[in-house]
Structure formats: structure tokens, C-alpha cells
Amino acid sequence: MERRIGIAIRQWRIDAGLSQDELADRASLSRSAVQALETGRGSRLATLIRVLRALDRADALDALAPRTGPSPIEQLAAQRRADRRTSRAPRVGRRG
């Protein structure tokens, strides 16, 4: 996983037209910290976050954020309630 993240970071850096030194300066890190991150050699989470912010790619962390809103169980229960309401046939009363 660290290797895959490193490959993505390297590609984003290259796409941004930055050298490792330039990215390190923007992220207030050493070049060796950026190099370690790109090669997947065990970097700290704080380093990853700094680099992503410097690359304007903090959105990459969105997948890791906890979900907000109803849980899957709550969503299923709501769907079942809605299904029950729509599956009931309307009652037709007889008038005499």
C-alpha cells in the first residue's frame, strides 16, 4: 500500500511540474522525506498530509474519512419501511 501511495504522490508531483526539492519546500519537509514517501519506505502520516496539501490533493484523503449520515443498517431499515408503505394496496370501502 505504501508503494502504491508513493507512486501516486510521485505522479501528482510530476503532473504539477515540481521537483522533489520544490515539493519539499512547499510542504516544509526535507527532500529525503519526500523521496521516502515516493518510494514507499515508511513515512509518517503527517508527512503524507503535508505533501498532499502542498500538491493541492488533500481530497485524496476523503476516502479515509468516516462516513457521515445514516449507517448502512439505518438506510436499510428506512428502505424497508418505505417499501412496506408503497406495497400496501389501498383499501376500498363499500358503501351501501
C-alpha atoms as a PDB file:
ATOM      1  CA  MET A   1       0.000   0.000   0.000  1.00  0.00           C
ATOM      2  CA  GLU A   2       2.813   2.417   0.830  1.00  0.00           C
ATOM      3  CA  ARG A   3       4.367   1.750  -2.554  1.00  0.00           C
ATOM      4  CA  ARG A   4       1.081   2.461  -4.353  1.00  0.00           C
ATOM      5  CA  ILE A   5       0.660   5.718  -2.431  1.00  0.00           C
ATOM      6  CA  GLY A   6       4.233   6.668  -3.261  1.00  0.00           C
ATOM      7  CA  ILE A   7       3.664   6.075  -6.960  1.00  0.00           C
ATOM      8  CA  ALA A   8       0.572   8.292  -6.881  1.00  0.00           C
ATOM      9  CA  ILE A   9       2.405  11.062  -4.995  1.00  0.00           C
ATOM     10  CA  ARG A  10       5.271  10.950  -7.484  1.00  0.00           C
ATOM     11  CA  GLN A  11       2.876  11.181 -10.428  1.00  0.00           C
ATOM     12  CA  TRP A  12       0.977  14.105  -8.882  1.00  0.00           C
ATOM     13  CA  ARG A  13       4.290  15.884  -8.228  1.00  0.00           C
ATOM     14  CA  ILE A  14       5.406  15.370 -11.821  1.00  0.00           C
ATOM     15  CA  ASP A  15       1.995  16.462 -13.127  1.00  0.00           C
ATOM     16  CA  ALA A  16       2.345  19.631 -11.053  1.00  0.00           C
ATOM     17  CA  GLY A  17       5.745  20.259 -12.643  1.00  0.00           C
ATOM     18  CA  LEU A  18       7.600  20.132  -9.345  1.00  0.00           C
ATOM     19  CA  SER A  19      10.929  18.627  -8.414  1.00  0.00           C
ATOM     20  CA  GLN A  20      11.296  16.755  -5.145  1.00  0.00           C
ATOM     21  CA  ASP A  21      13.140  19.789  -3.740  1.00  0.00           C
ATOM     22  CA  GLU A  22      10.342  22.153  -4.738  1.00  0.00           C
ATOM     23  CA  LEU A  23       7.677  19.912  -3.248  1.00  0.00           C
ATOM     24  CA  ALA A  24       9.721  19.540  -0.075  1.00  0.00           C
ATOM     25  CA  ASP A  25       9.958  23.339   0.211  1.00  0.00           C
ATOM     26  CA  ARG A  26       6.209  23.763  -0.282  1.00  0.00           C
ATOM     27  CA  ALA A  27       5.457  21.083   2.314  1.00  0.00           C
ATOM     28  CA  SER A  28       8.127  22.320   4.767  1.00  0.00           C
ATOM     29  CA  LEU A  29       9.859  18.949   4.628  1.00  0.00           C
ATOM     30  CA  SER A  30      13.255  17.663   3.658  1.00  0.00           C
ATOM     31  CA  ARG A  31      13.836  16.267   0.194  1.00  0.00           C
ATOM     32  CA  SER A  32      14.659  12.917   1.764  1.00  0.00           C
ATOM     33  CA  ALA A  33      11.195  12.846   3.411  1.00  0.00           C
ATOM     34  CA  VAL A  34       9.546  13.375   0.022  1.00  0.00           C
ATOM     35  CA  GLN A  35      11.823  10.764  -1.531  1.00  0.00           C
ATOM     36  CA  ALA A  36      10.988   8.235   1.195  1.00  0.00           C
ATOM     37  CA  LEU A  37       7.272   8.857   0.697  1.00  0.00           C
ATOM     38  CA  GLU A  38       7.520   8.404  -3.065  1.00  0.00           C
ATOM     39  CA  THR A  39       9.465   5.155  -2.743  1.00  0.00           C
ATOM     40  CA  GLY A  40       7.152   3.711  -0.092  1.00  0.00           C
ATOM     41  CA  ARG A  41       9.865   3.437   2.534  1.00  0.00           C
ATOM     42  CA  GLY A  42       7.716   4.137   5.562  1.00  0.00           C
ATOM     43  CA  SER A  43       6.695   7.714   6.019  1.00  0.00           C
ATOM     44  CA  ARG A  44       4.672   9.318   8.750  1.00  0.00           C
ATOM     45  CA  LEU A  45       1.043  10.187   8.216  1.00  0.00           C
ATOM     46  CA  ALA A  46       1.874  13.833   8.940  1.00  0.00           C
ATOM     47  CA  THR A  47       4.340  13.780   6.035  1.00  0.00           C
ATOM     48  CA  LEU A  48       1.710  12.396   3.693  1.00  0.00           C
ATOM     49  CA  ILE A  49      -0.805  15.035   4.736  1.00  0.00           C
ATOM     50  CA  ARG A  50       1.714  17.861   4.287  1.00  0.00           C
ATOM     51  CA  VAL A  51       2.649  16.633   0.823  1.00  0.00           C
ATOM     52  CA  LEU A  52      -0.969  16.201  -0.247  1.00  0.00           C
ATOM     53  CA  ARG A  53      -1.769  19.718   0.913  1.00  0.00           C
ATOM     54  CA  ALA A  54       1.266  21.107  -0.919  1.00  0.00           C
ATOM     55  CA  LEU A  55       0.071  19.354  -4.084  1.00  0.00           C
ATOM     56  CA  ASP A  56      -3.481  20.628  -3.513  1.00  0.00           C
ATOM     57  CA  ARG A  57      -4.630  16.986  -3.374  1.00  0.00           C
ATOM     58  CA  ALA A  58      -5.985  16.767   0.178  1.00  0.00           C
ATOM     59  CA  ASP A  59      -9.127  15.355  -1.448  1.00  0.00           C
ATOM     60  CA  ALA A  60      -7.217  12.075  -1.729  1.00  0.00           C
ATOM     61  CA  LEU A  61      -7.866  11.596   1.988  1.00  0.00           C
ATOM     62  CA  ASP A  62     -11.654  11.784   1.572  1.00  0.00           C
ATOM     63  CA  ALA A  63     -11.931   8.038   1.104  1.00  0.00           C
ATOM     64  CA  LEU A  64     -10.422   7.568   4.549  1.00  0.00           C
ATOM     65  CA  ALA A  65     -12.774   9.947   6.328  1.00  0.00           C
ATOM     66  CA  PRO A  66     -15.528   8.452   8.439  1.00  0.00           C
ATOM     67  CA  ARG A  67     -18.933   8.345   6.820  1.00  0.00           C
ATOM     68  CA  THR A  68     -21.475  10.884   7.867  1.00  0.00           C
ATOM     69  CA  GLY A  69     -25.180  10.390   7.771  1.00  0.00           C
ATOM     70  CA  PRO A  70     -27.174   7.244   8.390  1.00  0.00           C
ATOM     71  CA  SER A  71     -25.354   3.947   8.738  1.00  0.00           C
ATOM     72  CA  PRO A  72     -25.978   1.196   6.186  1.00  0.00           C
ATOM     73  CA  ILE A  73     -28.250  -0.536   8.725  1.00  0.00           C
ATOM     74  CA  GLU A  74     -30.280   2.652   9.194  1.00  0.00           C
ATOM     75  CA  GLN A  75     -30.545   3.085   5.427  1.00  0.00           C
ATOM     76  CA  LEU A  76     -31.779  -0.489   5.013  1.00  0.00           C
ATOM     77  CA  ALA A  77     -34.400  -0.050   7.734  1.00  0.00           C
ATOM     78  CA  ALA A  78     -35.648   3.158   6.121  1.00  0.00           C
ATOM     79  CA  GLN A  79     -35.838   1.461   2.725  1.00  0.00           C
ATOM     80  CA  ARG A  80     -37.825  -1.435   4.187  1.00  0.00           C
ATOM     81  CA  ARG A  81     -40.280   0.967   5.835  1.00  0.00           C
ATOM     82  CA  ALA A  82     -40.729   2.793   2.531  1.00  0.00           C
ATOM     83  CA  ASP A  83     -41.240  -0.482   0.674  1.00  0.00           C
ATOM     84  CA  ARG A  84     -43.918  -1.567   3.135  1.00  0.00           C
ATOM     85  CA  ARG A  85     -45.795   1.705   2.707  1.00  0.00           C
ATOM     86  CA  THR A  86     -45.794   1.531  -1.081  1.00  0.00           C
ATOM     87  CA  SER A  87     -46.681  -2.166  -1.297  1.00  0.00           C
ATOM     88  CA  ARG A  88     -49.929  -1.858   0.655  1.00  0.00           C
ATOM     89  CA  ALA A  89     -52.969  -1.836  -1.571  1.00  0.00           C
ATOM     90  CA  PRO A  90     -55.374   0.989  -0.887  1.00  0.00           C
ATOM     91  CA  ARG A  91     -58.486  -0.133   0.954  1.00  0.00           C
ATOM     92  CA  VAL A  92     -61.712   0.255  -0.908  1.00  0.00           C
ATOM     93  CA  GLY A  93     -64.700   0.665   1.338  1.00  0.00           C
ATOM     94  CA  ARG A  94     -68.196  -0.452   0.432  1.00  0.00           C
ATOM     95  CA  ARG A  95     -70.977   1.982   0.784  1.00  0.00           C
ATOM     96  CA  GLY A  96     -74.449   0.717   0.963  1.00  0.00           C
END
